[in-house]
C-alpha cells in the first residue's frame, strides 16, 4: 500500500471522526427543546434523532458540492490541506463541547479549510463564491431563526391558542412537538452530514488528481452512519445549555422553535448553503423567549453563545493555517 493511499485512509478516518463529533456536539440542536419540555425522555429523543439524522443525510448533496468545489479549487486539495482542516475543526468542536458552548461545527470546518488554504497558496486561491455563500448562511440563518418563530408564535396565538384552554394547548402541542423534533433531526442530518461528504470528496479529488462533480455513494453512506452514531452518544453539556439555561420552555414553545429552525435549515440545504444548525435553533429559542417578554430570556447565557459564534471564524482560520504549517514542518 503506497504512502498516498495510507494518507487518504487517515484523512477519511479523520473526516468521519469529525462527523461523529459533530453528531454528539450537535445532538442538542435536535433534542434539547423536546427534553426540556419533557415531551420525550433523553433516551427516546436521542434514538429518534440518531435515526432521522441518518435519513436526512441521505437526501441530497448540494451542500457537499459547495464544500468540495466552491471554497478552494480542487487542484489545491492536498491531503495536508484537508488534514489540517479536519484537525482544526475537531479541536474547536471538542473545546466548545467541553465548555458547553453551542458553536458551529459547519463554520469551524469551512473556515479551517480557508485557513489551511491560505497557508498553502495565499488568499488568492480562496473562491469568493463559496465563502460568500457560507457567510450569507452565517448572517441570515440566525436572523431568520430569531424572527420566524416570533411571527409563527403570534400567528398561533391569534388563530389557535386564544381559543384553547391552557391544559388542552399543552396536551396537543406535546404530540406536535414530537413531529417538530423529528423534523429538526432530519434537517440537521441533511445539512451537517453533507459537510463531511464534501470534505472527503475534496480529499478524493486530490488523491485521484482529477475533478469530482458528484459525491460517491460510499461517502454518503459513511458520513450518514458516522453522524447517526455520534448523535446516539449525545452531547449532554450542550443539551443542558440549550434546553434549560436560555429560556423556560413549554411544548408549544419547543414546537415553534424546532419547526421554524428546521424549515430554515431545510431550505438552505436545498440551496447548497452550509448553515449552522446551532445558530438557527439557538436564535429560534431566543425568539420564542422574547414573545414571553425580554426578561424571560437569560441574555447572559445568550451572550456566551454569541461570543462562541464570533470567535469561531478567526480562531478556525488561524488554527487551520497553523496546523497546515505544522504538518508541512513535521513532514506528516
C-alpha atoms as a PDB file:
ATOM      1  CA  UNK A   1       0.000   0.000   0.000  1.00  0.00           C
ATOM      2  CA  UNK A   2       1.576   3.288  -1.083  1.00  0.00           C
ATOM      3  CA  UNK A   3       2.037   6.258   1.243  1.00  0.00           C
ATOM      4  CA  UNK A   4      -0.537   8.433  -0.538  1.00  0.00           C
ATOM      5  CA  UNK A   5      -3.252   5.796  -0.091  1.00  0.00           C
ATOM      6  CA  UNK A   6      -2.401   5.387   3.585  1.00  0.00           C
ATOM      7  CA  UNK A   7      -2.613   9.154   3.972  1.00  0.00           C
ATOM      8  CA  UNK A   8      -6.020   9.196   2.248  1.00  0.00           C
ATOM      9  CA  UNK A   9      -7.324   6.486   4.582  1.00  0.00           C
ATOM     10  CA  UNK A  10      -6.141   8.532   7.560  1.00  0.00           C
ATOM     11  CA  UNK A  11      -7.876  11.618   6.140  1.00  0.00           C
ATOM     12  CA  UNK A  12     -11.153   9.734   5.606  1.00  0.00           C
ATOM     13  CA  UNK A  13     -10.932   8.397   9.158  1.00  0.00           C
ATOM     14  CA  UNK A  14     -10.362  11.933  10.487  1.00  0.00           C
ATOM     15  CA  UNK A  15     -13.343  13.204   8.478  1.00  0.00           C
ATOM     16  CA  UNK A  16     -15.600  10.502   9.918  1.00  0.00           C
ATOM     17  CA  UNK A  17     -14.310  11.292  13.421  1.00  0.00           C
ATOM     18  CA  UNK A  18     -15.228  14.934  12.781  1.00  0.00           C
ATOM     19  CA  UNK A  19     -18.673  13.799  11.619  1.00  0.00           C
ATOM     20  CA  UNK A  20     -19.077  11.618  14.718  1.00  0.00           C
ATOM     21  CA  UNK A  21     -18.064  14.514  16.994  1.00  0.00           C
ATOM     22  CA  UNK A  22     -20.395  16.788  15.049  1.00  0.00           C
ATOM     23  CA  UNK A  23     -23.175  14.300  15.800  1.00  0.00           C
ATOM     24  CA  UNK A  24     -22.773  14.318  19.564  1.00  0.00           C
ATOM     25  CA  UNK A  25     -21.791  18.006  19.625  1.00  0.00           C
ATOM     26  CA  UNK A  26     -24.982  18.972  17.773  1.00  0.00           C
ATOM     27  CA  UNK A  27     -27.383  16.438  19.284  1.00  0.00           C
ATOM     28  CA  UNK A  28     -28.678  19.342  21.361  1.00  0.00           C
ATOM     29  CA  UNK A  29     -29.873  21.063  18.194  1.00  0.00           C
ATOM     30  CA  UNK A  30     -32.471  18.382  17.577  1.00  0.00           C
ATOM     31  CA  UNK A  31     -33.461  17.228  21.054  1.00  0.00           C
ATOM     32  CA  UNK A  32     -32.756  19.898  23.689  1.00  0.00           C
ATOM     33  CA  UNK A  33     -36.174  21.517  23.465  1.00  0.00           C
ATOM     34  CA  UNK A  34     -38.120  18.228  23.499  1.00  0.00           C
ATOM     35  CA  UNK A  35     -36.098  17.046  26.514  1.00  0.00           C
ATOM     36  CA  UNK A  36     -36.510  20.384  28.302  1.00  0.00           C
ATOM     37  CA  UNK A  37     -40.292  20.323  27.834  1.00  0.00           C
ATOM     38  CA  UNK A  38     -40.365  16.639  28.917  1.00  0.00           C
ATOM     39  CA  UNK A  39     -42.188  15.634  25.765  1.00  0.00           C
ATOM     40  CA  UNK A  40     -39.555  12.931  25.238  1.00  0.00           C
ATOM     41  CA  UNK A  41     -37.188  11.228  27.612  1.00  0.00           C
ATOM     42  CA  UNK A  42     -33.494  11.740  26.817  1.00  0.00           C
ATOM     43  CA  UNK A  43     -33.194   8.132  25.596  1.00  0.00           C
ATOM     44  CA  UNK A  44     -36.247   8.452  23.318  1.00  0.00           C
ATOM     45  CA  UNK A  45     -35.089  11.788  21.940  1.00  0.00           C
ATOM     46  CA  UNK A  46     -31.569  10.570  21.189  1.00  0.00           C
ATOM     47  CA  UNK A  47     -32.788   7.369  19.497  1.00  0.00           C
ATOM     48  CA  UNK A  48     -35.198   9.295  17.280  1.00  0.00           C
ATOM     49  CA  UNK A  49     -32.607  11.949  16.499  1.00  0.00           C
ATOM     50  CA  UNK A  50     -29.937   9.374  15.586  1.00  0.00           C
ATOM     51  CA  UNK A  51     -32.205   7.582  13.100  1.00  0.00           C
ATOM     52  CA  UNK A  52     -33.527  10.752  11.466  1.00  0.00           C
ATOM     53  CA  UNK A  53     -30.058  12.302  11.253  1.00  0.00           C
ATOM     54  CA  UNK A  54     -29.069   9.331   9.094  1.00  0.00           C
ATOM     55  CA  UNK A  55     -32.225   9.581   6.956  1.00  0.00           C
ATOM     56  CA  UNK A  56     -31.728  13.325   6.474  1.00  0.00           C
ATOM     57  CA  UNK A  57     -28.110  12.822   5.476  1.00  0.00           C
ATOM     58  CA  UNK A  58     -29.195  10.617   2.561  1.00  0.00           C
ATOM     59  CA  UNK A  59     -31.486  13.203   0.960  1.00  0.00           C
ATOM     60  CA  UNK A  60     -29.123  15.422  -1.033  1.00  0.00           C
ATOM     61  CA  UNK A  61     -25.584  16.591  -1.813  1.00  0.00           C
ATOM     62  CA  UNK A  62     -25.940  20.308  -2.658  1.00  0.00           C
ATOM     63  CA  UNK A  63     -24.100  21.418   0.494  1.00  0.00           C
ATOM     64  CA  UNK A  64     -21.427  18.752  -0.040  1.00  0.00           C
ATOM     65  CA  UNK A  65     -20.723  20.174  -3.508  1.00  0.00           C
ATOM     66  CA  UNK A  66     -20.304  23.661  -2.032  1.00  0.00           C
ATOM     67  CA  UNK A  67     -17.678  22.336   0.390  1.00  0.00           C
ATOM     68  CA  UNK A  68     -15.865  20.193  -2.197  1.00  0.00           C
ATOM     69  CA  UNK A  69     -15.801  22.704  -5.090  1.00  0.00           C
ATOM     70  CA  UNK A  70     -16.648  26.252  -4.023  1.00  0.00           C
ATOM     71  CA  UNK A  71     -14.279  27.084  -1.137  1.00  0.00           C
ATOM     72  CA  UNK A  72     -10.936  26.035  -2.653  1.00  0.00           C
ATOM     73  CA  UNK A  73     -10.212  24.832  -6.208  1.00  0.00           C
ATOM     74  CA  UNK A  74      -9.911  21.044  -6.231  1.00  0.00           C
ATOM     75  CA  UNK A  75      -6.368  21.266  -7.575  1.00  0.00           C
ATOM     76  CA  UNK A  76      -5.379  22.512  -4.098  1.00  0.00           C
ATOM     77  CA  UNK A  77      -6.999  19.539  -2.393  1.00  0.00           C
ATOM     78  CA  UNK A  78      -3.787  18.113  -0.988  1.00  0.00           C
ATOM     79  CA  UNK A  79      -4.020  15.707   1.905  1.00  0.00           C
ATOM     80  CA  UNK A  80      -2.017  18.195   4.001  1.00  0.00           C
ATOM     81  CA  UNK A  81      -4.666  20.876   3.471  1.00  0.00           C
ATOM     82  CA  UNK A  82      -7.533  18.508   4.282  1.00  0.00           C
ATOM     83  CA  UNK A  83      -5.734  17.030   7.286  1.00  0.00           C
ATOM     84  CA  UNK A  84      -5.015  20.456   8.781  1.00  0.00           C
ATOM     85  CA  UNK A  85      -8.629  21.476   8.148  1.00  0.00           C
ATOM     86  CA  UNK A  86     -10.050  18.454   9.955  1.00  0.00           C
ATOM     87  CA  UNK A  87      -7.647  18.661  12.905  1.00  0.00           C
ATOM     88  CA  UNK A  88      -8.533  22.330  13.358  1.00  0.00           C
ATOM     89  CA  UNK A  89     -12.308  21.732  13.193  1.00  0.00           C
ATOM     90  CA  UNK A  90     -12.109  18.736  15.544  1.00  0.00           C
ATOM     91  CA  UNK A  91     -10.037  20.701  18.076  1.00  0.00           C
ATOM     92  CA  UNK A  92     -12.515  23.600  18.092  1.00  0.00           C
ATOM     93  CA  UNK A  93     -15.523  21.267  18.341  1.00  0.00           C
ATOM     94  CA  UNK A  94     -14.030  19.436  21.312  1.00  0.00           C
ATOM     95  CA  UNK A  95     -13.081  22.680  23.064  1.00  0.00           C
ATOM     96  CA  UNK A  96     -16.546  24.199  22.683  1.00  0.00           C
ATOM     97  CA  UNK A  97     -18.204  20.898  23.692  1.00  0.00           C
ATOM     98  CA  UNK A  98     -16.048  20.798  26.829  1.00  0.00           C
ATOM     99  CA  UNK A  99     -17.058  24.384  27.613  1.00  0.00           C
ATOM    100  CA  UNK A 100     -20.743  23.610  26.899  1.00  0.00           C
ATOM    101  CA  UNK A 101     -20.913  26.223  24.140  1.00  0.00           C
ATOM    102  CA  UNK A 102     -23.175  25.542  21.143  1.00  0.00           C
ATOM    103  CA  UNK A 103     -20.760  26.763  18.492  1.00  0.00           C
ATOM    104  CA  UNK A 104     -20.987  25.967  14.783  1.00  0.00           C
ATOM    105  CA  UNK A 105     -19.349  22.774  13.511  1.00  0.00           C
ATOM    106  CA  UNK A 106     -20.172  23.923   9.989  1.00  0.00           C
ATOM    107  CA  UNK A 107     -18.291  27.187  10.208  1.00  0.00           C
ATOM    108  CA  UNK A 108     -15.463  25.523  12.113  1.00  0.00           C
ATOM    109  CA  UNK A 109     -14.944  23.227   9.115  1.00  0.00           C
ATOM    110  CA  UNK A 110     -15.363  25.874   6.401  1.00  0.00           C
ATOM    111  CA  UNK A 111     -13.090  28.467   7.986  1.00  0.00           C
ATOM    112  CA  UNK A 112     -10.490  25.874   8.988  1.00  0.00           C
ATOM    113  CA  UNK A 113     -10.424  24.988   5.270  1.00  0.00           C
ATOM    114  CA  UNK A 114      -9.984  28.676   4.447  1.00  0.00           C
ATOM    115  CA  UNK A 115      -7.092  28.948   6.929  1.00  0.00           C
ATOM    116  CA  UNK A 116      -5.335  25.846   5.605  1.00  0.00           C
ATOM    117  CA  UNK A 117      -5.893  27.040   2.019  1.00  0.00           C
ATOM    118  CA  UNK A 118      -4.386  30.444   2.770  1.00  0.00           C
ATOM    119  CA  UNK A 119      -1.363  28.730   4.337  1.00  0.00           C
ATOM    120  CA  UNK A 120      -0.956  26.582   1.225  1.00  0.00           C
ATOM    121  CA  UNK A 121      -1.448  29.173  -1.503  1.00  0.00           C
ATOM    122  CA  UNK A 122      -2.371  32.588  -0.127  1.00  0.00           C
ATOM    123  CA  UNK A 123      -5.665  34.453  -0.104  1.00  0.00           C
ATOM    124  CA  UNK A 124      -5.783  34.455  -3.899  1.00  0.00           C
ATOM    125  CA  UNK A 125      -6.789  30.791  -4.102  1.00  0.00           C
ATOM    126  CA  UNK A 126      -9.895  31.226  -1.946  1.00  0.00           C
ATOM    127  CA  UNK A 127     -13.086  31.144  -4.044  1.00  0.00           C
ATOM    128  CA  UNK A 128     -15.231  34.144  -3.018  1.00  0.00           C
ATOM    129  CA  UNK A 129     -18.476  32.496  -4.177  1.00  0.00           C
ATOM    130  CA  UNK A 130     -18.363  29.666  -1.642  1.00  0.00           C
ATOM    131  CA  UNK A 131     -17.162  31.828   1.240  1.00  0.00           C
ATOM    132  CA  UNK A 132     -19.857  34.419   0.494  1.00  0.00           C
ATOM    133  CA  UNK A 133     -22.490  31.665   0.433  1.00  0.00           C
ATOM    134  CA  UNK A 134     -21.262  30.433   3.822  1.00  0.00           C
ATOM    135  CA  UNK A 135     -21.199  33.957   5.276  1.00  0.00           C
ATOM    136  CA  UNK A 136     -24.701  34.537   3.918  1.00  0.00           C
ATOM    137  CA  UNK A 137     -25.853  31.488   5.850  1.00  0.00           C
ATOM    138  CA  UNK A 138     -23.938  32.689   8.908  1.00  0.00           C
ATOM    139  CA  UNK A 139     -25.710  36.074   8.846  1.00  0.00           C
ATOM    140  CA  UNK A 140     -29.204  35.228   7.658  1.00  0.00           C
ATOM    141  CA  UNK A 141     -29.895  31.903   9.392  1.00  0.00           C
ATOM    142  CA  UNK A 142     -29.726  33.346  12.935  1.00  0.00           C
ATOM    143  CA  UNK A 143     -31.669  36.458  11.900  1.00  0.00           C
ATOM    144  CA  UNK A 144     -34.418  34.327  10.379  1.00  0.00           C
ATOM    145  CA  UNK A 145     -34.084  31.906  13.281  1.00  0.00           C
ATOM    146  CA  UNK A 146     -34.932  34.769  15.638  1.00  0.00           C
ATOM    147  CA  UNK A 147     -37.710  36.383  13.585  1.00  0.00           C
ATOM    148  CA  UNK A 148     -39.612  33.417  12.116  1.00  0.00           C
ATOM    149  CA  UNK A 149     -40.624  31.878  15.478  1.00  0.00           C
ATOM    150  CA  UNK A 150     -41.823  35.276  16.716  1.00  0.00           C
ATOM    151  CA  UNK A 151     -44.123  35.561  13.690  1.00  0.00           C
ATOM    152  CA  UNK A 152     -45.218  31.931  13.974  1.00  0.00           C
ATOM    153  CA  UNK A 153     -45.932  32.262  17.707  1.00  0.00           C
ATOM    154  CA  UNK A 154     -48.101  35.339  17.175  1.00  0.00           C
ATOM    155  CA  UNK A 155     -49.968  33.617  14.338  1.00  0.00           C
ATOM    156  CA  UNK A 156     -50.594  30.571  16.526  1.00  0.00           C
ATOM    157  CA  UNK A 157     -51.729  32.784  19.392  1.00  0.00           C
ATOM    158  CA  UNK A 158     -54.167  34.615  17.129  1.00  0.00           C
ATOM    159  CA  UNK A 159     -55.511  31.609  15.203  1.00  0.00           C
ATOM    160  CA  UNK A 160     -55.386  28.789  17.761  1.00  0.00           C
ATOM    161  CA  UNK A 161     -54.064  29.428  21.254  1.00  0.00           C
ATOM    162  CA  UNK A 162     -56.549  32.078  22.342  1.00  0.00           C
ATOM    163  CA  UNK A 163     -59.398  29.624  21.691  1.00  0.00           C
ATOM    164  CA  UNK A 164     -57.911  26.747  23.696  1.00  0.00           C
ATOM    165  CA  UNK A 165     -57.674  26.119  27.391  1.00  0.00           C
ATOM    166  CA  UNK A 166     -54.058  26.057  28.646  1.00  0.00           C
ATOM    167  CA  UNK A 167     -54.278  22.365  29.550  1.00  0.00           C
ATOM    168  CA  UNK A 168     -55.508  21.483  26.058  1.00  0.00           C
ATOM    169  CA  UNK A 169     -52.723  23.591  24.492  1.00  0.00           C
ATOM    170  CA  UNK A 170     -50.102  21.672  26.467  1.00  0.00           C
ATOM    171  CA  UNK A 171     -51.603  18.282  25.640  1.00  0.00           C
ATOM    172  CA  UNK A 172     -51.931  18.953  21.899  1.00  0.00           C
ATOM    173  CA  UNK A 173     -48.516  20.513  21.490  1.00  0.00           C
ATOM    174  CA  UNK A 174     -46.821  17.709  23.404  1.00  0.00           C
ATOM    175  CA  UNK A 175     -47.820  15.487  20.494  1.00  0.00           C
ATOM    176  CA  UNK A 176     -46.973  18.058  17.821  1.00  0.00           C
ATOM    177  CA  UNK A 177     -43.548  18.673  19.332  1.00  0.00           C
ATOM    178  CA  UNK A 178     -42.567  15.067  18.717  1.00  0.00           C
ATOM    179  CA  UNK A 179     -43.057  15.719  14.995  1.00  0.00           C
ATOM    180  CA  UNK A 180     -41.221  19.048  15.123  1.00  0.00           C
ATOM    181  CA  UNK A 181     -38.272  17.413  16.933  1.00  0.00           C
ATOM    182  CA  UNK A 182     -38.219  14.713  14.252  1.00  0.00           C
ATOM    183  CA  UNK A 183     -38.238  17.377  11.510  1.00  0.00           C
ATOM    184  CA  UNK A 184     -35.377  19.185  13.250  1.00  0.00           C
ATOM    185  CA  UNK A 185     -33.300  15.986  13.448  1.00  0.00           C
ATOM    186  CA  UNK A 186     -33.992  15.231   9.778  1.00  0.00           C
ATOM    187  CA  UNK A 187     -32.978  18.719   8.626  1.00  0.00           C
ATOM    188  CA  UNK A 188     -29.859  18.654  10.821  1.00  0.00           C
ATOM    189  CA  UNK A 189     -28.668  15.430   9.187  1.00  0.00           C
ATOM    190  CA  UNK A 190     -29.454  16.837   5.750  1.00  0.00           C
ATOM    191  CA  UNK A 191     -27.219  19.879   6.205  1.00  0.00           C
ATOM    192  CA  UNK A 192     -24.476  18.875   8.638  1.00  0.00           C
ATOM    193  CA  UNK A 193     -23.532  15.411   7.364  1.00  0.00           C
ATOM    194  CA  UNK A 194     -23.075  16.876   3.893  1.00  0.00           C
ATOM    195  CA  UNK A 195     -20.104  18.931   5.089  1.00  0.00           C
ATOM    196  CA  UNK A 196     -18.217  15.720   5.831  1.00  0.00           C
ATOM    197  CA  UNK A 197     -19.260  14.276   2.477  1.00  0.00           C
ATOM    198  CA  UNK A 198     -17.869  17.404   0.851  1.00  0.00           C
ATOM    199  CA  UNK A 199     -14.506  17.351   2.623  1.00  0.00           C
ATOM    200  CA  UNK A 200     -13.987  13.631   1.837  1.00  0.00           C
ATOM    201  CA  UNK A 201     -14.859  14.269  -1.826  1.00  0.00           C
ATOM    202  CA  UNK A 202     -12.395  17.175  -1.800  1.00  0.00           C
ATOM    203  CA  UNK A 203      -9.677  14.836  -0.471  1.00  0.00           C
ATOM    204  CA  UNK A 204     -10.525  12.153  -3.041  1.00  0.00           C
ATOM    205  CA  UNK A 205     -10.162  14.696  -5.851  1.00  0.00           C
ATOM    206  CA  UNK A 206      -6.658  15.477  -4.619  1.00  0.00           C
ATOM    207  CA  UNK A 207      -5.671  11.828  -4.310  1.00  0.00           C
ATOM    208  CA  UNK A 208      -7.040  10.895  -7.761  1.00  0.00           C
ATOM    209  CA  UNK A 209      -5.679  14.050  -9.380  1.00  0.00           C
ATOM    210  CA  UNK A 210      -8.977  14.850 -11.040  1.00  0.00           C
ATOM    211  CA  UNK A 211     -12.136  16.906 -10.558  1.00  0.00           C
ATOM    212  CA  UNK A 212     -15.090  15.194  -8.895  1.00  0.00           C
ATOM    213  CA  UNK A 213     -18.518  16.656  -9.636  1.00  0.00           C
ATOM    214  CA  UNK A 214     -20.517  14.069  -7.713  1.00  0.00           C
ATOM    215  CA  UNK A 215     -20.264  12.603  -4.234  1.00  0.00           C
ATOM    216  CA  UNK A 216     -19.562   8.825  -4.284  1.00  0.00           C
ATOM    217  CA  UNK A 217     -22.288   6.648  -2.737  1.00  0.00           C
ATOM    218  CA  UNK A 218     -19.926   5.093  -0.176  1.00  0.00           C
ATOM    219  CA  UNK A 219     -19.013   8.585   1.053  1.00  0.00           C
ATOM    220  CA  UNK A 220     -22.697   9.458   1.526  1.00  0.00           C
ATOM    221  CA  UNK A 221     -23.363   6.238   3.458  1.00  0.00           C
ATOM    222  CA  UNK A 222     -20.226   6.549   5.618  1.00  0.00           C
ATOM    223  CA  UNK A 223     -20.937  10.179   6.561  1.00  0.00           C
ATOM    224  CA  UNK A 224     -24.595   9.433   7.347  1.00  0.00           C
ATOM    225  CA  UNK A 225     -23.630   6.498   9.568  1.00  0.00           C
ATOM    226  CA  UNK A 226     -20.943   8.432  11.449  1.00  0.00           C
ATOM    227  CA  UNK A 227     -23.380  11.300  12.076  1.00  0.00           C
ATOM    228  CA  UNK A 228     -26.012   8.898  13.374  1.00  0.00           C
ATOM    229  CA  UNK A 229     -23.586   7.116  15.711  1.00  0.00           C
ATOM    230  CA  UNK A 230     -22.330  10.422  17.096  1.00  0.00           C
ATOM    231  CA  UNK A 231     -25.889  11.575  17.692  1.00  0.00           C
ATOM    232  CA  UNK A 232     -26.603   8.358  19.599  1.00  0.00           C
ATOM    233  CA  UNK A 233     -23.844   9.212  22.084  1.00  0.00           C
ATOM    234  CA  UNK A 234     -25.447  12.556  22.974  1.00  0.00           C
ATOM    235  CA  UNK A 235     -23.896  15.883  23.945  1.00  0.00           C
ATOM    236  CA  UNK A 236     -25.247  16.465  27.415  1.00  0.00           C
ATOM    237  CA  UNK A 237     -23.255  19.607  28.238  1.00  0.00           C
ATOM    238  CA  UNK A 238     -24.773  21.491  25.300  1.00  0.00           C
ATOM    239  CA  UNK A 239     -28.222  19.968  25.803  1.00  0.00           C
ATOM    240  CA  UNK A 240     -28.188  21.472  29.297  1.00  0.00           C
ATOM    241  CA  UNK A 241     -27.258  24.910  27.935  1.00  0.00           C
ATOM    242  CA  UNK A 242     -29.721  24.876  25.036  1.00  0.00           C
ATOM    243  CA  UNK A 243     -32.667  23.302  26.770  1.00  0.00           C
ATOM    244  CA  UNK A 244     -32.559  24.675  30.284  1.00  0.00           C
ATOM    245  CA  UNK A 245     -30.370  27.779  30.521  1.00  0.00           C
ATOM    246  CA  UNK A 246     -31.641  30.106  27.788  1.00  0.00           C
ATOM    247  CA  UNK A 247     -35.394  30.291  28.442  1.00  0.00           C
ATOM    248  CA  UNK A 248     -38.071  28.271  30.262  1.00  0.00           C
ATOM    249  CA  UNK A 249     -39.776  26.262  27.505  1.00  0.00           C
ATOM    250  CA  UNK A 250     -43.283  24.829  27.182  1.00  0.00           C
ATOM    251  CA  UNK A 251     -44.335  22.285  24.498  1.00  0.00           C
ATOM    252  CA  UNK A 252     -45.809  24.979  22.241  1.00  0.00           C
ATOM    253  CA  UNK A 253     -42.543  26.936  22.520  1.00  0.00           C
ATOM    254  CA  UNK A 254     -40.490  23.893  21.581  1.00  0.00           C
ATOM    255  CA  UNK A 255     -42.780  23.153  18.632  1.00  0.00           C
ATOM    256  CA  UNK A 256     -42.469  26.701  17.292  1.00  0.00           C
ATOM    257  CA  UNK A 257     -38.672  26.866  17.778  1.00  0.00           C
ATOM    258  CA  UNK A 258     -37.995  23.469  16.186  1.00  0.00           C
ATOM    259  CA  UNK A 259     -40.394  23.929  13.266  1.00  0.00           C
ATOM    260  CA  UNK A 260     -39.008  27.377  12.439  1.00  0.00           C
ATOM    261  CA  UNK A 261     -35.376  26.264  12.636  1.00  0.00           C
ATOM    262  CA  UNK A 262     -35.970  23.072  10.646  1.00  0.00           C
ATOM    263  CA  UNK A 263     -37.716  24.955   7.823  1.00  0.00           C
ATOM    264  CA  UNK A 264     -34.833  27.437   7.548  1.00  0.00           C
ATOM    265  CA  UNK A 265     -32.209  24.657   7.553  1.00  0.00           C
ATOM    266  CA  UNK A 266     -34.110  22.560   5.021  1.00  0.00           C
ATOM    267  CA  UNK A 267     -34.386  25.457   2.545  1.00  0.00           C
ATOM    268  CA  UNK A 268     -30.676  26.225   2.987  1.00  0.00           C
ATOM    269  CA  UNK A 269     -29.773  22.578   2.313  1.00  0.00           C
ATOM    270  CA  UNK A 270     -31.660  22.600  -0.975  1.00  0.00           C
ATOM    271  CA  UNK A 271     -29.848  25.804  -1.985  1.00  0.00           C
ATOM    272  CA  UNK A 272     -26.444  24.333  -1.100  1.00  0.00           C
ATOM    273  CA  UNK A 273     -25.850  26.809   1.741  1.00  0.00           C
ATOM    274  CA  UNK A 274     -23.864  25.353   4.688  1.00  0.00           C
ATOM    275  CA  UNK A 275     -25.718  26.968   7.579  1.00  0.00           C
ATOM    276  CA  UNK A 276     -25.187  26.404  11.273  1.00  0.00           C
ATOM    277  CA  UNK A 277     -27.957  24.326  12.796  1.00  0.00           C
ATOM    278  CA  UNK A 278     -26.653  25.505  16.177  1.00  0.00           C
ATOM    279  CA  UNK A 279     -27.051  29.182  15.284  1.00  0.00           C
ATOM    280  CA  UNK A 280     -30.502  28.601  13.881  1.00  0.00           C
ATOM    281  CA  UNK A 281     -32.052  26.642  16.747  1.00  0.00           C
ATOM    282  CA  UNK A 282     -30.325  28.826  19.373  1.00  0.00           C
ATOM    283  CA  UNK A 283     -31.807  32.021  17.968  1.00  0.00           C
ATOM    284  CA  UNK A 284     -35.166  30.290  17.443  1.00  0.00           C
ATOM    285  CA  UNK A 285     -35.258  29.506  21.165  1.00  0.00           C
ATOM    286  CA  UNK A 286     -34.369  33.130  21.924  1.00  0.00           C
ATOM    287  CA  UNK A 287     -37.060  34.334  19.512  1.00  0.00           C
ATOM    288  CA  UNK A 288     -39.692  32.214  21.225  1.00  0.00           C
ATOM    289  CA  UNK A 289     -38.463  33.515  24.571  1.00  0.00           C
ATOM    290  CA  UNK A 290     -38.922  37.143  23.586  1.00  0.00           C
ATOM    291  CA  UNK A 291     -42.626  36.527  22.906  1.00  0.00           C
ATOM    292  CA  UNK A 292     -42.941  35.936  26.661  1.00  0.00           C
ATOM    293  CA  UNK A 293     -41.063  39.156  27.406  1.00  0.00           C
ATOM    294  CA  UNK A 294     -37.413  40.135  27.096  1.00  0.00           C
ATOM    295  CA  UNK A 295     -36.797  39.382  30.760  1.00  0.00           C
ATOM    296  CA  UNK A 296     -37.747  35.742  30.234  1.00  0.00           C
ATOM    297  CA  UNK A 297     -34.613  35.155  28.131  1.00  0.00           C
ATOM    298  CA  UNK A 298     -31.359  34.670  30.027  1.00  0.00           C
ATOM    299  CA  UNK A 299     -29.386  37.079  27.862  1.00  0.00           C
ATOM    300  CA  UNK A 300     -26.143  36.424  29.751  1.00  0.00           C
ATOM    301  CA  UNK A 301     -26.181  32.814  28.537  1.00  0.00           C
ATOM    302  CA  UNK A 302     -27.232  34.019  25.075  1.00  0.00           C
ATOM    303  CA  UNK A 303     -24.235  36.365  25.127  1.00  0.00           C
ATOM    304  CA  UNK A 304     -21.861  33.437  25.755  1.00  0.00           C
ATOM    305  CA  UNK A 305     -23.373  31.658  22.761  1.00  0.00           C
ATOM    306  CA  UNK A 306     -22.885  34.722  20.540  1.00  0.00           C
ATOM    307  CA  UNK A 307     -19.266  35.013  21.711  1.00  0.00           C
ATOM    308  CA  UNK A 308     -18.652  31.429  20.582  1.00  0.00           C
ATOM    309  CA  UNK A 309     -20.112  32.293  17.163  1.00  0.00           C
ATOM    310  CA  UNK A 310     -17.899  35.354  16.794  1.00  0.00           C
ATOM    311  CA  UNK A 311     -14.694  33.599  17.855  1.00  0.00           C
ATOM    312  CA  UNK A 312     -15.243  30.546  15.623  1.00  0.00           C
ATOM    313  CA  UNK A 313     -14.274  32.273  12.357  1.00  0.00           C
ATOM    314  CA  UNK A 314     -10.934  33.914  13.270  1.00  0.00           C
ATOM    315  CA  UNK A 315      -9.932  31.074  15.602  1.00  0.00           C
ATOM    316  CA  UNK A 316     -10.507  28.368  12.993  1.00  0.00           C
ATOM    317  CA  UNK A 317      -8.809  30.345  10.223  1.00  0.00           C
ATOM    318  CA  UNK A 318      -5.775  30.748  12.499  1.00  0.00           C
ATOM    319  CA  UNK A 319      -5.869  27.101  13.618  1.00  0.00           C
ATOM    320  CA  UNK A 320      -6.170  25.825  10.059  1.00  0.00           C
ATOM    321  CA  UNK A 321      -3.235  27.991   8.974  1.00  0.00           C
ATOM    322  CA  UNK A 322      -1.074  26.951  11.937  1.00  0.00           C
ATOM    323  CA  UNK A 323      -1.805  23.233  11.668  1.00  0.00           C
ATOM    324  CA  UNK A 324      -1.039  23.231   7.925  1.00  0.00           C
ATOM    325  CA  UNK A 325       2.340  24.834   8.662  1.00  0.00           C
ATOM    326  CA  UNK A 326       2.997  22.249  11.400  1.00  0.00           C
ATOM    327  CA  UNK A 327       2.045  19.353   9.119  1.00  0.00           C
ATOM    328  CA  UNK A 328       4.469  20.619   6.474  1.00  0.00           C
ATOM    329  CA  UNK A 329       7.188  21.399   9.023  1.00  0.00           C
ATOM    330  CA  UNK A 330       6.975  17.948  10.621  1.00  0.00           C
ATOM    331  CA  UNK A 331       6.776  16.216   7.261  1.00  0.00           C
ATOM    332  CA  UNK A 332       3.489  14.487   8.070  1.00  0.00           C
END
